[in-house]
Amino acid sequence: GHGAGAGVGPDGGGGTMTTDPAAVRDEAVEVWDGRLRLHVKVAGDGPPLLYFHPLSGLAWNPLLSQLAMRHTVYAPEHPGTSPGDPHAISQVQTFWELLLVYEELTRALGLDRPVAVGQSFGGMVAADLAASFPRLFGKLVLLSPPGLWRDDAPIPLMAMVAGPPEDMPKYLFAHPDSEAAQAAMALPADPALIPKAIAQGAWNLGCTTKFAWPIADHGLDRRLHRIGVPTLIVWGREDALVPVAYAEEFGSRIAGSQVEVIDDCGHVHQADQPERTWTAISKFLDG
């Protein structure tokens, strides 16, 4: 099946590249007292932007290519998800340690108040970094992050991760059969690479859900008031993974934030509504 196993995974990867993939370089950065060598994909030029990827791992998608046309994009790979370094995850024992690792990384890269864009799980990471270290970022874009919990709006994260891979698209896309959704879930064209891609995808989910199991609630609701930078919150009205009720929840807790709800759109905005998503983000970054 596709889904969790897909190499690029459920995050709107695939599709046409506006940046030549060859222009994306890999930088290894030592952090955490030398215990971790984090891999960061870097592309573009202009003011710095940190991108935090979703549960499935980092896939260089068209949204990142668009961002790289106006920013230097730094996209770290979550510890353990970099091919060839699976055991890095054992060096990060708690979610707080993960935040400290990313704070160290931001300093090690020499970034001064970069824009932070976080998607899904990466949005939870970015939001908590902005709350924990209020001077770390200059602006914040949150794309349907989990991280809060309401009993009247449960987040079926575990049902998705533990369920059959073929069910995954219905949690992620308003239109699972669309070309963009299919591209996001596609396995490698070369059959010989498929088993490896499935194994990598499953391992990636294990490394990220270490900090999202059984629910992705680390008390962020009690810290969000500490975020003091301009913040844009983007949600798909038909999000079947993190219900749209949480858009208002984040919006009301982050002073002065803007909330943009996109119609006919599921959890992966740039697959369901790429133009409207880009318009919302680029207007905010220009503002």
C-alpha atoms as a PDB file:
ATOM      1  CA  GLY A   1       0.000   0.000   0.000  1.00  0.00           C
ATOM      2  CA  HIS A   2       0.916   3.674  -0.094  1.00  0.00           C
ATOM      3  CA  GLY A   3       0.570   5.961   2.870  1.00  0.00           C
ATOM      4  CA  ALA A   4       2.852   5.826   5.849  1.00  0.00           C
ATOM      5  CA  GLY A   5       5.249   3.753   3.835  1.00  0.00           C
ATOM      6  CA  ALA A   6       5.576   6.160   0.942  1.00  0.00           C
ATOM      7  CA  GLY A   7       9.071   7.491   0.683  1.00  0.00           C
ATOM      8  CA  VAL A   8       8.033  11.121   0.283  1.00  0.00           C
ATOM      9  CA  GLY A   9       5.203  10.525   2.665  1.00  0.00           C
ATOM     10  CA  PRO A  10       2.019  12.448   3.333  1.00  0.00           C
ATOM     11  CA  ASP A  11       3.118  16.028   3.111  1.00  0.00           C
ATOM     12  CA  GLY A  12       2.466  17.283  -0.352  1.00  0.00           C
ATOM     13  CA  GLY A  13       5.806  16.243  -1.786  1.00  0.00           C
ATOM     14  CA  GLY A  14       6.059  15.458  -5.457  1.00  0.00           C
ATOM     15  CA  GLY A  15       4.592  17.690  -8.123  1.00  0.00           C
ATOM     16  CA  THR A  16       6.625  20.012 -10.286  1.00  0.00           C
ATOM     17  CA  MET A  17       9.783  21.580  -8.953  1.00  0.00           C
ATOM     18  CA  THR A  18      10.248  25.294  -9.294  1.00  0.00           C
ATOM     19  CA  THR A  19      13.720  25.015  -7.765  1.00  0.00           C
ATOM     20  CA  ASP A  20      16.165  22.700  -9.468  1.00  0.00           C
ATOM     21  CA  PRO A  21      16.554  19.863  -6.922  1.00  0.00           C
ATOM     22  CA  ALA A  22      20.299  20.082  -7.569  1.00  0.00           C
ATOM     23  CA  ALA A  23      20.138  23.550  -6.019  1.00  0.00           C
ATOM     24  CA  VAL A  24      19.139  21.991  -2.673  1.00  0.00           C
ATOM     25  CA  ARG A  25      22.290  21.307  -0.680  1.00  0.00           C
ATOM     26  CA  ASP A  26      22.762  19.244   2.450  1.00  0.00           C
ATOM     27  CA  GLU A  27      24.472  20.737   5.485  1.00  0.00           C
ATOM     28  CA  ALA A  28      25.419  18.644   8.522  1.00  0.00           C
ATOM     29  CA  VAL A  29      25.484  20.577  11.794  1.00  0.00           C
ATOM     30  CA  GLU A  30      26.814  19.290  15.096  1.00  0.00           C
ATOM     31  CA  VAL A  31      24.637  20.055  18.147  1.00  0.00           C
ATOM     32  CA  TRP A  32      23.687  18.632  21.533  1.00  0.00           C
ATOM     33  CA  ASP A  33      27.245  18.521  22.920  1.00  0.00           C
ATOM     34  CA  GLY A  34      28.463  16.653  19.841  1.00  0.00           C
ATOM     35  CA  ARG A  35      25.922  13.844  20.250  1.00  0.00           C
ATOM     36  CA  LEU A  36      23.932  14.776  17.131  1.00  0.00           C
ATOM     37  CA  ARG A  37      24.812  15.654  13.542  1.00  0.00           C
ATOM     38  CA  LEU A  38      21.613  17.103  12.179  1.00  0.00           C
ATOM     39  CA  HIS A  39      21.101  17.234   8.439  1.00  0.00           C
ATOM     40  CA  VAL A  40      19.633  20.449   7.063  1.00  0.00           C
ATOM     41  CA  LYS A  41      18.500  20.928   3.464  1.00  0.00           C
ATOM     42  CA  VAL A  42      19.314  24.457   2.281  1.00  0.00           C
ATOM     43  CA  ALA A  43      18.151  26.292  -0.843  1.00  0.00           C
ATOM     44  CA  GLY A  44      17.524  29.768  -2.192  1.00  0.00           C
ATOM     45  CA  ASP A  45      18.799  33.111  -1.048  1.00  0.00           C
ATOM     46  CA  GLY A  46      17.354  36.058   0.804  1.00  0.00           C
ATOM     47  CA  PRO A  47      16.356  36.351   4.468  1.00  0.00           C
ATOM     48  CA  PRO A  48      16.522  33.105   6.466  1.00  0.00           C
ATOM     49  CA  LEU A  49      13.510  30.825   6.886  1.00  0.00           C
ATOM     50  CA  LEU A  50      13.396  27.646   8.983  1.00  0.00           C
ATOM     51  CA  TYR A  51      10.948  24.962   7.843  1.00  0.00           C
ATOM     52  CA  PHE A  52       9.822  22.210  10.227  1.00  0.00           C
ATOM     53  CA  HIS A  53       8.450  19.171   8.409  1.00  0.00           C
ATOM     54  CA  PRO A  54       5.426  16.945   9.199  1.00  0.00           C
ATOM     55  CA  LEU A  55       5.373  13.479  10.800  1.00  0.00           C
ATOM     56  CA  SER A  56       6.359  11.669   7.632  1.00  0.00           C
ATOM     57  CA  GLY A  57       9.749  13.332   7.299  1.00  0.00           C
ATOM     58  CA  LEU A  58      11.174  15.961   4.981  1.00  0.00           C
ATOM     59  CA  ALA A  59      10.168  15.883   1.321  1.00  0.00           C
ATOM     60  CA  TRP A  60      11.271  18.824  -0.797  1.00  0.00           C
ATOM     61  CA  ASN A  61       7.869  19.969  -2.072  1.00  0.00           C
ATOM     62  CA  PRO A  62       6.698  22.808  -4.336  1.00  0.00           C
ATOM     63  CA  LEU A  63       5.866  25.020  -1.336  1.00  0.00           C
ATOM     64  CA  LEU A  64       9.521  24.882  -0.244  1.00  0.00           C
ATOM     65  CA  SER A  65      10.610  25.703  -3.783  1.00  0.00           C
ATOM     66  CA  GLN A  66       8.317  28.744  -3.760  1.00  0.00           C
ATOM     67  CA  LEU A  67       9.687  29.869  -0.391  1.00  0.00           C
ATOM     68  CA  ALA A  68      13.246  29.400  -1.685  1.00  0.00           C
ATOM     69  CA  MET A  69      12.574  31.946  -4.423  1.00  0.00           C
ATOM     70  CA  ARG A  70      12.479  34.697  -1.795  1.00  0.00           C
ATOM     71  CA  HIS A  71      14.214  33.223   1.265  1.00  0.00           C
ATOM     72  CA  THR A  72      17.177  31.073   2.170  1.00  0.00           C
ATOM     73  CA  VAL A  73      15.231  28.003   3.301  1.00  0.00           C
ATOM     74  CA  TYR A  74      16.758  25.815   6.020  1.00  0.00           C
ATOM     75  CA  ALA A  75      14.824  22.558   6.410  1.00  0.00           C
ATOM     76  CA  PRO A  76      16.204  20.352   9.200  1.00  0.00           C
ATOM     77  CA  GLU A  77      15.512  16.626   9.188  1.00  0.00           C
ATOM     78  CA  HIS A  78      14.060  15.386  12.484  1.00  0.00           C
ATOM     79  CA  PRO A  79      16.659  13.322  14.398  1.00  0.00           C
ATOM     80  CA  GLY A  80      16.648   9.718  13.163  1.00  0.00           C
ATOM     81  CA  THR A  81      14.924  10.448   9.844  1.00  0.00           C
ATOM     82  CA  SER A  82      18.127  11.196   7.898  1.00  0.00           C
ATOM     83  CA  PRO A  83      19.013   8.145   5.787  1.00  0.00           C
ATOM     84  CA  GLY A  84      22.084   6.439   7.198  1.00  0.00           C
ATOM     85  CA  ASP A  85      21.691   7.857  10.717  1.00  0.00           C
ATOM     86  CA  PRO A  86      18.624   6.106  12.157  1.00  0.00           C
ATOM     87  CA  HIS A  87      19.916   5.887  15.721  1.00  0.00           C
ATOM     88  CA  ALA A  88      20.222   9.653  16.191  1.00  0.00           C
ATOM     89  CA  ILE A  89      16.698   9.546  17.645  1.00  0.00           C
ATOM     90  CA  SER A  90      18.006   7.723  20.741  1.00  0.00           C
ATOM     91  CA  GLN A  91      19.893  10.922  21.691  1.00  0.00           C
ATOM     92  CA  VAL A  92      16.633  12.869  22.069  1.00  0.00           C
ATOM     93  CA  GLN A  93      14.617  11.530  24.948  1.00  0.00           C
ATOM     94  CA  THR A  94      11.864  14.098  25.542  1.00  0.00           C
ATOM     95  CA  PHE A  95       9.991  16.733  23.571  1.00  0.00           C
ATOM     96  CA  TRP A  96      11.719  19.438  25.635  1.00  0.00           C
ATOM     97  CA  GLU A  97      15.085  18.020  24.526  1.00  0.00           C
ATOM     98  CA  LEU A  98      13.883  18.170  20.916  1.00  0.00           C
ATOM     99  CA  LEU A  99      13.103  21.874  21.363  1.00  0.00           C
ATOM    100  CA  LEU A 100      16.529  22.488  22.901  1.00  0.00           C
ATOM    101  CA  VAL A 101      18.172  20.670  19.979  1.00  0.00           C
ATOM    102  CA  TYR A 102      16.395  22.921  17.459  1.00  0.00           C
ATOM    103  CA  GLU A 103      17.209  26.050  19.465  1.00  0.00           C
ATOM    104  CA  GLU A 104      20.891  25.033  19.412  1.00  0.00           C
ATOM    105  CA  LEU A 105      20.632  24.323  15.683  1.00  0.00           C
ATOM    106  CA  THR A 106      19.214  27.794  14.982  1.00  0.00           C
ATOM    107  CA  ARG A 107      22.188  29.360  16.774  1.00  0.00           C
ATOM    108  CA  ALA A 108      24.696  26.966  15.179  1.00  0.00           C
ATOM    109  CA  LEU A 109      23.427  27.989  11.731  1.00  0.00           C
ATOM    110  CA  GLY A 110      23.962  31.625  12.719  1.00  0.00           C
ATOM    111  CA  LEU A 111      20.354  32.569  11.961  1.00  0.00           C
ATOM    112  CA  ASP A 112      19.141  35.864  13.384  1.00  0.00           C
ATOM    113  CA  ARG A 113      15.386  35.865  14.029  1.00  0.00           C
ATOM    114  CA  PRO A 114      14.491  33.742  10.964  1.00  0.00           C
ATOM    115  CA  VAL A 115      10.928  33.244   9.797  1.00  0.00           C
ATOM    116  CA  ALA A 116       9.689  29.849  11.031  1.00  0.00           C
ATOM    117  CA  VAL A 117       7.214  27.797   8.990  1.00  0.00           C
ATOM    118  CA  GLY A 118       5.928  24.615  10.591  1.00  0.00           C
ATOM    119  CA  GLN A 119       3.674  22.051   8.949  1.00  0.00           C
ATOM    120  CA  SER A 120       1.489  19.731  11.019  1.00  0.00           C
ATOM    121  CA  PHE A 121       3.853  18.059  13.559  1.00  0.00           C
ATOM    122  CA  GLY A 122       6.447  20.643  12.500  1.00  0.00           C
ATOM    123  CA  GLY A 123       3.931  23.378  13.321  1.00  0.00           C
ATOM    124  CA  MET A 124       3.646  22.060  16.861  1.00  0.00           C
ATOM    125  CA  VAL A 125       7.456  22.155  17.113  1.00  0.00           C
ATOM    126  CA  ALA A 126       7.673  25.693  15.689  1.00  0.00           C
ATOM    127  CA  ALA A 127       4.899  27.009  17.946  1.00  0.00           C
ATOM    128  CA  ASP A 128       6.488  25.574  21.068  1.00  0.00           C
ATOM    129  CA  LEU A 129       9.916  26.922  20.066  1.00  0.00           C
ATOM    130  CA  ALA A 130       8.371  30.382  19.636  1.00  0.00           C
ATOM    131  CA  ALA A 131       6.713  30.099  23.064  1.00  0.00           C
ATOM    132  CA  SER A 132       9.784  28.682  24.810  1.00  0.00           C
ATOM    133  CA  PHE A 133      12.288  31.080  23.182  1.00  0.00           C
ATOM    134  CA  PRO A 134      10.337  34.262  22.408  1.00  0.00           C
ATOM    135  CA  ARG A 135      13.310  35.965  20.702  1.00  0.00           C
ATOM    136  CA  LEU A 136      14.270  33.054  18.454  1.00  0.00           C
ATOM    137  CA  PHE A 137      12.071  33.849  15.430  1.00  0.00           C
ATOM    138  CA  GLY A 138      10.991  37.014  13.628  1.00  0.00           C
ATOM    139  CA  LYS A 139       7.725  35.652  12.215  1.00  0.00           C
ATOM    140  CA  LEU A 140       5.783  32.418  12.539  1.00  0.00           C
ATOM    141  CA  VAL A 141       3.617  30.471  10.070  1.00  0.00           C
ATOM    142  CA  LEU A 142       1.672  27.494  11.460  1.00  0.00           C
ATOM    143  CA  LEU A 143       0.079  25.070   8.986  1.00  0.00           C
ATOM    144  CA  SER A 144      -2.543  22.963  10.835  1.00  0.00           C
ATOM    145  CA  PRO A 145      -0.436  22.056  13.853  1.00  0.00           C
ATOM    146  CA  PRO A 146      -1.543  19.524  16.442  1.00  0.00           C
ATOM    147  CA  GLY A 147      -0.413  20.291  20.006  1.00  0.00           C
ATOM    148  CA  LEU A 148      -3.684  21.238  21.686  1.00  0.00           C
ATOM    149  CA  TRP A 149      -6.458  18.877  22.741  1.00  0.00           C
ATOM    150  CA  ARG A 150     -10.216  19.346  23.039  1.00  0.00           C
ATOM    151  CA  ASP A 151     -12.444  16.431  23.935  1.00  0.00           C
ATOM    152  CA  ASP A 152     -15.107  17.770  21.539  1.00  0.00           C
ATOM    153  CA  ALA A 153     -12.607  17.802  18.642  1.00  0.00           C
ATOM    154  CA  PRO A 154     -10.451  14.668  18.935  1.00  0.00           C
ATOM    155  CA  ILE A 155      -7.384  14.375  16.691  1.00  0.00           C
ATOM    156  CA  PRO A 156      -7.318  10.846  15.188  1.00  0.00           C
ATOM    157  CA  LEU A 157      -3.535  10.782  14.893  1.00  0.00           C
ATOM    158  CA  MET A 158      -3.105   7.306  16.340  1.00  0.00           C
ATOM    159  CA  ALA A 159      -5.951   5.898  14.246  1.00  0.00           C
ATOM    160  CA  MET A 160      -4.162   7.214  11.163  1.00  0.00           C
ATOM    161  CA  VAL A 161      -0.673   6.034  12.117  1.00  0.00           C
ATOM    162  CA  ALA A 162      -1.777   2.620  13.385  1.00  0.00           C
ATOM    163  CA  GLY A 163      -4.420   2.042  10.708  1.00  0.00           C
ATOM    164  CA  PRO A 164      -3.998   0.483   7.257  1.00  0.00           C
ATOM    165  CA  PRO A 165      -1.801   2.627   4.965  1.00  0.00           C
ATOM    166  CA  GLU A 166      -4.525   2.805   2.329  1.00  0.00           C
ATOM    167  CA  ASP A 167      -6.705   4.778   4.794  1.00  0.00           C
ATOM    168  CA  MET A 168      -4.089   7.484   5.276  1.00  0.00           C
ATOM    169  CA  PRO A 169      -5.043   9.738   2.334  1.00  0.00           C
ATOM    170  CA  LYS A 170      -8.564  10.315   3.679  1.00  0.00           C
ATOM    171  CA  TYR A 171      -7.074  11.908   6.809  1.00  0.00           C
ATOM    172  CA  LEU A 172      -4.753  14.145   4.815  1.00  0.00           C
ATOM    173  CA  PHE A 173      -6.508  15.344   1.682  1.00  0.00           C
ATOM    174  CA  ALA A 174      -9.912  16.799   0.842  1.00  0.00           C
ATOM    175  CA  HIS A 175      -9.456  15.117  -2.561  1.00  0.00           C
ATOM    176  CA  PRO A 176      -7.416  11.921  -2.060  1.00  0.00           C
ATOM    177  CA  ASP A 177      -7.752  11.050  -5.773  1.00  0.00           C
ATOM    178  CA  SER A 178      -6.345  14.354  -7.028  1.00  0.00           C
ATOM    179  CA  GLU A 179      -3.093  14.429  -8.924  1.00  0.00           C
ATOM    180  CA  ALA A 180      -1.365  16.411  -6.153  1.00  0.00           C
ATOM    181  CA  ALA A 181      -2.513  13.977  -3.459  1.00  0.00           C
ATOM    182  CA  GLN A 182      -1.399  11.019  -5.567  1.00  0.00           C
ATOM    183  CA  ALA A 183       1.987  12.661  -6.149  1.00  0.00           C
ATOM    184  CA  ALA A 184       2.366  13.305  -2.429  1.00  0.00           C
ATOM    185  CA  MET A 185       1.774   9.638  -1.633  1.00  0.00           C
ATOM    186  CA  ALA A 186       3.687   8.176  -4.586  1.00  0.00           C
ATOM    187  CA  LEU A 187       6.272   5.472  -4.087  1.00  0.00           C
ATOM    188  CA  PRO A 188       9.508   5.468  -6.118  1.00  0.00           C
ATOM    189  CA  ALA A 189       9.120   4.650  -9.825  1.00  0.00           C
ATOM    190  CA  ASP A 190      11.930   2.080  -9.576  1.00  0.00           C
ATOM    191  CA  PRO A 191      10.433  -1.100  -8.002  1.00  0.00           C
ATOM    192  CA  ALA A 192      13.816  -1.985  -6.505  1.00  0.00           C
ATOM    193  CA  LEU A 193      13.644   1.162  -4.343  1.00  0.00           C
ATOM    194  CA  ILE A 194      10.119   0.600  -3.021  1.00  0.00           C
ATOM    195  CA  PRO A 195      10.908  -1.666  -0.010  1.00  0.00           C
ATOM    196  CA  LYS A 196      13.562   0.772   1.181  1.00  0.00           C
ATOM    197  CA  ALA A 197      11.195   3.732   0.777  1.00  0.00           C
ATOM    198  CA  ILE A 198       8.472   1.947   2.762  1.00  0.00           C
ATOM    199  CA  ALA A 199      10.919   1.045   5.541  1.00  0.00           C
ATOM    200  CA  GLN A 200      12.267   4.611   5.673  1.00  0.00           C
ATOM    201  CA  GLY A 201       8.732   6.031   5.788  1.00  0.00           C
ATOM    202  CA  ALA A 202       7.731   3.731   8.652  1.00  0.00           C
ATOM    203  CA  TRP A 203      10.921   4.560  10.571  1.00  0.00           C
ATOM    204  CA  ASN A 204      10.360   8.309  10.063  1.00  0.00           C
ATOM    205  CA  LEU A 205       6.882   8.023  11.577  1.00  0.00           C
ATOM    206  CA  GLY A 206       8.349   6.158  14.523  1.00  0.00           C
ATOM    207  CA  CYS A 207      10.934   8.897  15.118  1.00  0.00           C
ATOM    208  CA  THR A 208       8.371  11.720  15.080  1.00  0.00           C
ATOM    209  CA  THR A 209       5.470   9.991  16.842  1.00  0.00           C
ATOM    210  CA  LYS A 210       7.882   9.360  19.723  1.00  0.00           C
ATOM    211  CA  PHE A 211       6.821  12.913  20.652  1.00  0.00           C
ATOM    212  CA  ALA A 212       3.165  12.658  19.604  1.00  0.00           C
ATOM    213  CA  TRP A 213       2.013   9.405  21.230  1.00  0.00           C
ATOM    214  CA  PRO A 214      -0.642   8.766  22.412  1.00  0.00           C
ATOM    215  CA  ILE A 215      -1.741  12.385  21.980  1.00  0.00           C
ATOM    216  CA  ALA A 216       0.361  15.318  20.844  1.00  0.00           C
ATOM    217  CA  ASP A 217      -0.208  17.442  23.940  1.00  0.00           C
ATOM    218  CA  HIS A 218       2.843  18.721  25.806  1.00  0.00           C
ATOM    219  CA  GLY A 219       1.019  21.549  27.579  1.00  0.00           C
ATOM    220  CA  LEU A 220       1.463  23.996  24.707  1.00  0.00           C
ATOM    221  CA  ASP A 221      -1.898  25.617  25.532  1.00  0.00           C
ATOM    222  CA  ARG A 222      -0.360  27.020  28.733  1.00  0.00           C
ATOM    223  CA  ARG A 223       2.620  28.531  26.857  1.00  0.00           C
ATOM    224  CA  LEU A 224       1.123  29.971  23.672  1.00  0.00           C
ATOM    225  CA  HIS A 225       0.608  33.366  25.362  1.00  0.00           C
ATOM    226  CA  ARG A 226       4.408  33.741  25.336  1.00  0.00           C
ATOM    227  CA  ILE A 227       4.541  33.979  21.524  1.00  0.00           C
ATOM    228  CA  GLY A 228       5.204  37.623  20.730  1.00  0.00           C
ATOM    229  CA  VAL A 229       5.986  37.613  17.001  1.00  0.00           C
ATOM    230  CA  PRO A 230       3.606  38.147  14.059  1.00  0.00           C
ATOM    231  CA  THR A 231       1.904  34.790  13.507  1.00  0.00           C
ATOM    232  CA  LEU A 232      -0.154  33.367  10.643  1.00  0.00           C
ATOM    233  CA  ILE A 233      -2.296  30.284  11.278  1.00  0.00           C
ATOM    234  CA  VAL A 234      -3.497  28.446   8.139  1.00  0.00           C
ATOM    235  CA  TRP A 235      -6.108  25.685   8.248  1.00  0.00           C
ATOM    236  CA  GLY A 236      -8.114  23.633   5.777  1.00  0.00           C
ATOM    237  CA  ARG A 237     -11.825  23.737   6.545  1.00  0.00           C
ATOM    238  CA  GLU A 238     -12.142  20.006   5.723  1.00  0.00           C
ATOM    239  CA  ASP A 239      -9.100  18.895   7.753  1.00  0.00           C
ATOM    240  CA  ALA A 240      -9.924  15.338   8.835  1.00  0.00           C
ATOM    241  CA  LEU A 241      -6.802  14.954  10.991  1.00  0.00           C
ATOM    242  CA  VAL A 242      -6.625  18.145  13.080  1.00  0.00           C
ATOM    243  CA  PRO A 243     -10.150  19.632  13.046  1.00  0.00           C
ATOM    244  CA  VAL A 244     -10.594  23.265  12.001  1.00  0.00           C
ATOM    245  CA  ALA A 245     -11.861  24.105  15.518  1.00  0.00           C
ATOM    246  CA  TYR A 246      -8.189  24.307  16.502  1.00  0.00           C
ATOM    247  CA  ALA A 247      -7.565  27.227  14.114  1.00  0.00           C
ATOM    248  CA  GLU A 248      -9.591  29.490  16.388  1.00  0.00           C
ATOM    249  CA  GLU A 249      -8.054  27.837  19.441  1.00  0.00           C
ATOM    250  CA  PHE A 250      -4.519  28.752  18.331  1.00  0.00           C
ATOM    251  CA  GLY A 251      -5.698  32.140  17.069  1.00  0.00           C
ATOM    252  CA  SER A 252      -7.273  33.175  20.349  1.00  0.00           C
ATOM    253  CA  ARG A 253      -4.229  32.119  22.385  1.00  0.00           C
ATOM    254  CA  ILE A 254      -1.584  33.894  20.252  1.00  0.00           C
ATOM    255  CA  ALA A 255      -2.053  37.643  20.614  1.00  0.00           C
ATOM    256  CA  GLY A 256      -2.400  39.528  17.348  1.00  0.00           C
ATOM    257  CA  SER A 257      -2.250  36.410  15.170  1.00  0.00           C
ATOM    258  CA  GLN A 258      -4.035  36.084  11.821  1.00  0.00           C
ATOM    259  CA  VAL A 259      -6.150  33.029  11.071  1.00  0.00           C
ATOM    260  CA  GLU A 260      -6.742  31.982   7.468  1.00  0.00           C
ATOM    261  CA  VAL A 261      -9.204  29.132   6.886  1.00  0.00           C
ATOM    262  CA  ILE A 262      -9.115  27.743   3.339  1.00  0.00           C
ATOM    263  CA  ASP A 263     -12.284  26.204   1.906  1.00  0.00           C
ATOM    264  CA  ASP A 264     -12.327  22.850   0.106  1.00  0.00           C
ATOM    265  CA  CYS A 265      -9.019  21.997   1.738  1.00  0.00           C
ATOM    266  CA  GLY A 266      -7.807  19.156   3.951  1.00  0.00           C
ATOM    267  CA  HIS A 267      -4.762  18.738   6.184  1.00  0.00           C
ATOM    268  CA  VAL A 268      -2.117  19.107   3.458  1.00  0.00           C
ATOM    269  CA  HIS A 269      -2.910  22.605   2.183  1.00  0.00           C
ATOM    270  CA  GLN A 270      -0.329  22.743  -0.584  1.00  0.00           C
ATOM    271  CA  ALA A 271      -1.707  19.569  -2.144  1.00  0.00           C
ATOM    272  CA  ASP A 272      -5.408  20.530  -1.952  1.00  0.00           C
ATOM    273  CA  GLN A 273      -5.188  24.301  -2.497  1.00  0.00           C
ATOM    274  CA  PRO A 274      -1.657  25.267  -3.563  1.00  0.00           C
ATOM    275  CA  GLU A 275      -2.500  28.711  -4.967  1.00  0.00           C
ATOM    276  CA  ARG A 276      -4.619  29.879  -2.027  1.00  0.00           C
ATOM    277  CA  THR A 277      -2.080  28.528   0.433  1.00  0.00           C
ATOM    278  CA  TRP A 278       0.769  30.337  -1.290  1.00  0.00           C
ATOM    279  CA  THR A 279      -1.221  33.578  -1.512  1.00  0.00           C
ATOM    280  CA  ALA A 280      -1.952  33.528   2.226  1.00  0.00           C
ATOM    281  CA  ILE A 281       1.668  32.783   3.170  1.00  0.00           C
ATOM    282  CA  SER A 282       3.319  35.192   0.732  1.00  0.00           C
ATOM    283  CA  LYS A 283       0.993  38.072   1.680  1.00  0.00           C
ATOM    284  CA  PHE A 284       1.836  37.515   5.334  1.00  0.00           C
ATOM    285  CA  LEU A 285       5.591  37.312   4.703  1.00  0.00           C
ATOM    286  CA  ASP A 286       5.461  40.505   2.593  1.00  0.00           C
ATOM    287  CA  GLY A 287       3.356  42.372   5.173  1.00  0.00           C
END
